[in-house]
Amino acid sequence: MAGYLQASGNPISMSQINSVFDGRGNNLNAYRGTTWYTAAGGSGTFSSGTISFNDFYLKGPNPAVTISLASLNGAYLVGSPSFSGEAYSVDLYFNTNGTWDFYGFTAGGSSGNWASPTTTGIGSSYWIRITRTFFSGGLFNSATGSTGWLQLSSAQIITVTTGGYDGSQAGYTVEISSSSSGSPVLATADVILFASTF
């Protein structure tokens, strides 16, 4: 189950502890020396000596996850071809492990995180919506259109392509939510991708 135990109120039961701490058993001694975390970012270790039910309030087995697109907000991501006038694409990947990567052909790439800490498969608990705010370009150019809420259990990609005759650029608002309905929105970023012709 994971998550965190309650802050106060009814006494914590052994079955709650066992459920939140992913089945370590029904004996408090099994939790001695175990690392714990709080949703507020705290962490520690249960005593290797005497522990009690009260020691478990607000605690869980995993660190809190922070969702942020601050590393991407306002970015102007540019790619360039090997040869002037060459057709190619620039791509912005939102990966299932909480990272993002931009590939701009010969311009190299850049990367950052949308989740911290990054964890394999964390995307299965989050959804992304991509809204294209503008697109400009000439012959044979294209760009990913707007989407609904897409689960990040697989990588989601924004692609801007130039046919090589004219540069192609598109602006996007990217949102991440912990729900398929999009409520609440946990992070938002505005970004521009530009596939240059030189």
Protein backbone atom coordinates (compact mmCIF):
# COMPACT_ATOMS: atom_id res chain seq x y z
CA MET A 1 0.00 0.00 0.00
CA ALA A 2 2.78 2.44 0.98
CA GLY A 3 1.81 6.06 1.71
CA TYR A 4 1.94 7.40 5.29
CA LEU A 5 0.16 6.59 8.54
CA GLN A 6 -2.25 9.09 10.08
CA ALA A 7 -1.11 12.10 12.10
CA SER A 8 -3.26 11.55 15.17
CA GLY A 9 -6.63 10.31 16.33
CA ASN A 10 -7.48 6.64 16.64
CA PRO A 11 -4.57 4.50 17.78
CA ILE A 12 -2.55 2.98 14.96
CA SER A 13 -3.13 -0.74 14.57
CA MET A 14 -0.62 -3.44 13.71
CA SER A 15 -2.55 -4.20 10.50
CA GLN A 16 -2.21 -0.54 9.40
CA ILE A 17 1.53 -0.58 10.02
CA ASN A 18 1.89 -3.86 8.14
CA SER A 19 -0.13 -2.52 5.22
CA VAL A 20 1.67 0.82 4.89
CA PHE A 21 5.11 -0.69 5.33
CA ASP A 22 4.41 -3.29 2.62
CA GLY A 23 3.93 -6.45 4.62
CA ARG A 24 6.84 -6.67 7.05
CA GLY A 25 4.69 -8.66 9.45
CA ASN A 26 2.62 -8.29 12.60
CA ASN A 27 5.44 -7.91 15.10
CA LEU A 28 6.87 -4.49 15.95
CA ASN A 29 10.31 -6.05 16.36
CA ALA A 30 10.39 -6.56 12.55
CA TYR A 31 10.51 -2.76 12.13
CA ARG A 32 13.53 -2.08 14.37
CA GLY A 33 16.22 -0.23 12.45
CA THR A 34 13.90 0.40 9.49
CA THR A 35 14.25 3.74 7.69
CA TRP A 36 11.08 5.85 7.66
CA TYR A 37 9.98 9.01 5.82
CA THR A 38 7.30 11.66 6.24
CA ALA A 39 5.30 13.50 3.57
CA ALA A 40 6.93 16.74 4.79
CA GLY A 41 10.37 15.46 3.78
CA GLY A 42 11.59 14.16 7.14
CA SER A 43 13.35 10.85 7.57
CA GLY A 44 14.93 8.71 10.24
CA THR A 45 15.30 5.18 11.52
CA PHE A 46 13.20 3.32 14.06
CA SER A 47 15.14 2.47 17.19
CA SER A 48 17.00 -0.81 17.27
CA GLY A 49 15.73 -1.08 20.83
CA THR A 50 12.22 -0.50 22.14
CA ILE A 51 9.65 0.89 19.69
CA SER A 52 5.93 1.56 20.11
CA PHE A 53 2.86 2.16 17.98
CA ASN A 54 3.17 5.91 18.68
CA ASP A 55 6.51 5.94 16.82
CA PHE A 56 4.64 5.30 13.54
CA TYR A 57 2.42 8.40 13.35
CA LEU A 58 2.92 10.31 10.05
CA LYS A 59 5.52 7.82 8.84
CA GLY A 60 5.82 5.62 5.75
CA PRO A 61 8.46 3.55 3.92
CA ASN A 62 9.14 5.85 0.97
CA PRO A 63 10.42 9.43 0.59
CA ALA A 64 7.96 12.12 -0.39
CA VAL A 65 7.77 12.82 -4.12
CA THR A 66 8.02 16.39 -5.40
CA ILE A 67 6.49 17.09 -8.82
CA SER A 68 7.95 20.14 -10.57
CA LEU A 69 8.52 21.41 -14.09
CA ALA A 70 10.59 24.39 -12.93
CA SER A 71 13.65 23.05 -14.80
CA LEU A 72 11.67 23.26 -18.05
CA ASN A 73 9.46 26.32 -17.58
CA GLY A 74 10.38 29.13 -19.96
CA ALA A 75 12.86 26.97 -21.88
CA TYR A 76 13.60 27.68 -25.54
CA LEU A 77 14.93 24.37 -26.86
CA VAL A 78 16.72 24.59 -30.21
CA GLY A 79 18.05 21.91 -32.54
CA SER A 80 20.06 22.24 -35.73
CA PRO A 81 20.77 19.90 -38.68
CA SER A 82 24.09 18.45 -39.84
CA PHE A 83 23.72 20.32 -43.14
CA SER A 84 21.79 23.49 -43.89
CA GLY A 85 18.37 22.69 -45.33
CA GLU A 86 18.29 19.11 -43.99
CA ALA A 87 14.97 17.65 -42.77
CA TYR A 88 14.97 16.48 -39.13
CA SER A 89 13.06 16.58 -35.82
CA VAL A 90 13.61 17.82 -32.29
CA ASP A 91 12.05 15.77 -29.50
CA LEU A 92 11.13 16.40 -25.88
CA TYR A 93 10.60 13.16 -23.93
CA PHE A 94 8.76 12.86 -20.61
CA ASN A 95 10.03 9.56 -19.24
CA THR A 96 8.36 7.08 -16.89
CA ASN A 97 11.12 7.42 -14.27
CA GLY A 98 10.45 11.12 -13.55
CA THR A 99 12.96 12.65 -15.97
CA TRP A 100 12.67 14.65 -19.18
CA ASP A 101 15.13 14.72 -22.10
CA PHE A 102 15.45 17.02 -25.11
CA TYR A 103 17.20 15.88 -28.27
CA GLY A 104 18.06 18.53 -30.83
CA PHE A 105 20.05 16.55 -33.43
CA THR A 106 23.53 18.12 -33.79
CA ALA A 107 22.75 20.69 -31.09
CA GLY A 108 22.98 17.87 -28.55
CA GLY A 109 20.45 17.66 -25.78
CA SER A 110 19.48 18.69 -22.30
CA SER A 111 17.64 16.99 -19.47
CA GLY A 112 15.99 17.48 -16.10
CA ASN A 113 13.46 15.97 -13.72
CA TRP A 114 9.71 16.28 -13.42
CA ALA A 115 9.73 14.15 -10.23
CA SER A 116 12.14 14.07 -7.33
CA PRO A 117 13.36 11.61 -6.35
CA THR A 118 13.28 9.87 -9.72
CA THR A 119 12.10 6.28 -9.50
CA THR A 120 11.63 3.51 -12.06
CA GLY A 121 7.97 3.38 -13.07
CA ILE A 122 6.86 6.40 -11.02
CA GLY A 123 5.00 7.67 -14.10
CA SER A 124 2.23 5.10 -13.60
CA SER A 125 0.92 7.37 -10.81
CA TYR A 126 0.89 10.55 -12.93
CA TRP A 127 -0.74 12.01 -16.05
CA ILE A 128 0.46 14.66 -18.48
CA ARG A 129 -1.46 17.05 -20.74
CA ILE A 130 0.24 18.82 -23.62
CA THR A 131 -1.44 21.93 -25.06
CA ARG A 132 0.06 23.44 -28.20
CA THR A 133 -0.16 27.23 -27.89
CA PHE A 134 1.28 28.14 -31.31
CA PHE A 135 2.96 26.64 -34.37
CA SER A 136 4.91 28.38 -37.11
CA GLY A 137 6.77 26.95 -40.04
CA GLY A 138 6.67 26.53 -43.74
CA LEU A 139 6.55 23.70 -46.25
CA PHE A 140 6.62 20.11 -44.88
CA ASN A 141 6.85 21.23 -41.23
CA SER A 142 4.84 19.69 -38.41
CA ALA A 143 4.49 19.61 -34.63
CA THR A 144 2.76 17.46 -32.03
CA GLY A 145 -0.77 18.67 -31.43
CA SER A 146 -2.64 19.11 -28.14
CA THR A 147 -3.53 16.02 -26.13
CA GLY A 148 -5.88 15.04 -23.36
CA TRP A 149 -4.55 13.60 -20.11
CA LEU A 150 -2.08 10.80 -20.90
CA GLN A 151 -0.69 8.43 -18.30
CA LEU A 152 3.08 8.56 -17.90
CA SER A 153 3.30 4.77 -17.61
CA SER A 154 4.92 5.09 -21.05
CA ALA A 155 7.07 7.93 -22.33
CA GLN A 156 5.18 10.87 -23.85
CA ILE A 157 6.94 12.82 -26.61
CA ILE A 158 6.61 16.26 -28.17
CA THR A 159 8.10 16.39 -31.68
CA VAL A 160 8.68 19.40 -33.93
CA THR A 161 9.81 18.63 -37.49
CA THR A 162 11.22 20.75 -40.28
CA GLY A 163 11.16 19.64 -43.88
CA GLY A 164 14.41 21.56 -44.34
CA TYR A 165 13.04 24.55 -46.23
CA ASP A 166 11.96 26.68 -43.27
CA GLY A 167 12.56 26.57 -39.54
CA SER A 168 9.75 25.07 -37.51
CA GLN A 169 8.78 26.06 -33.98
CA ALA A 170 5.94 25.40 -31.60
CA GLY A 171 5.00 26.52 -28.10
CA TYR A 172 3.46 24.25 -25.48
CA THR A 173 1.93 24.36 -22.05
CA VAL A 174 2.74 21.13 -20.22
CA GLU A 175 0.82 20.09 -17.10
CA ILE A 176 1.27 17.11 -14.77
CA SER A 177 -1.45 15.75 -12.49
CA SER A 178 -1.82 12.88 -10.05
CA SER A 179 -5.24 12.06 -11.53
CA SER A 180 -6.53 11.02 -14.95
CA SER A 181 -9.13 13.80 -14.58
CA GLY A 182 -6.36 16.41 -14.34
CA SER A 183 -7.31 17.57 -10.85
CA PRO A 184 -5.20 18.58 -9.11
CA VAL A 185 -2.57 19.99 -11.47
CA LEU A 186 0.75 19.55 -9.66
CA ALA A 187 3.12 21.29 -12.09
CA THR A 188 2.95 23.48 -15.19
CA ALA A 189 5.55 24.70 -17.68
CA ASP A 190 5.58 26.75 -20.87
CA VAL A 191 8.21 25.68 -23.39
CA ILE A 192 9.14 26.40 -27.02
CA LEU A 193 10.77 23.84 -29.36
CA PHE A 194 12.57 25.11 -32.46
CA ALA A 195 13.91 22.99 -35.31
CA SER A 196 16.31 25.33 -37.10
CA THR A 197 17.41 24.95 -40.74
CA PHE A 198 21.05 25.95 -40.10
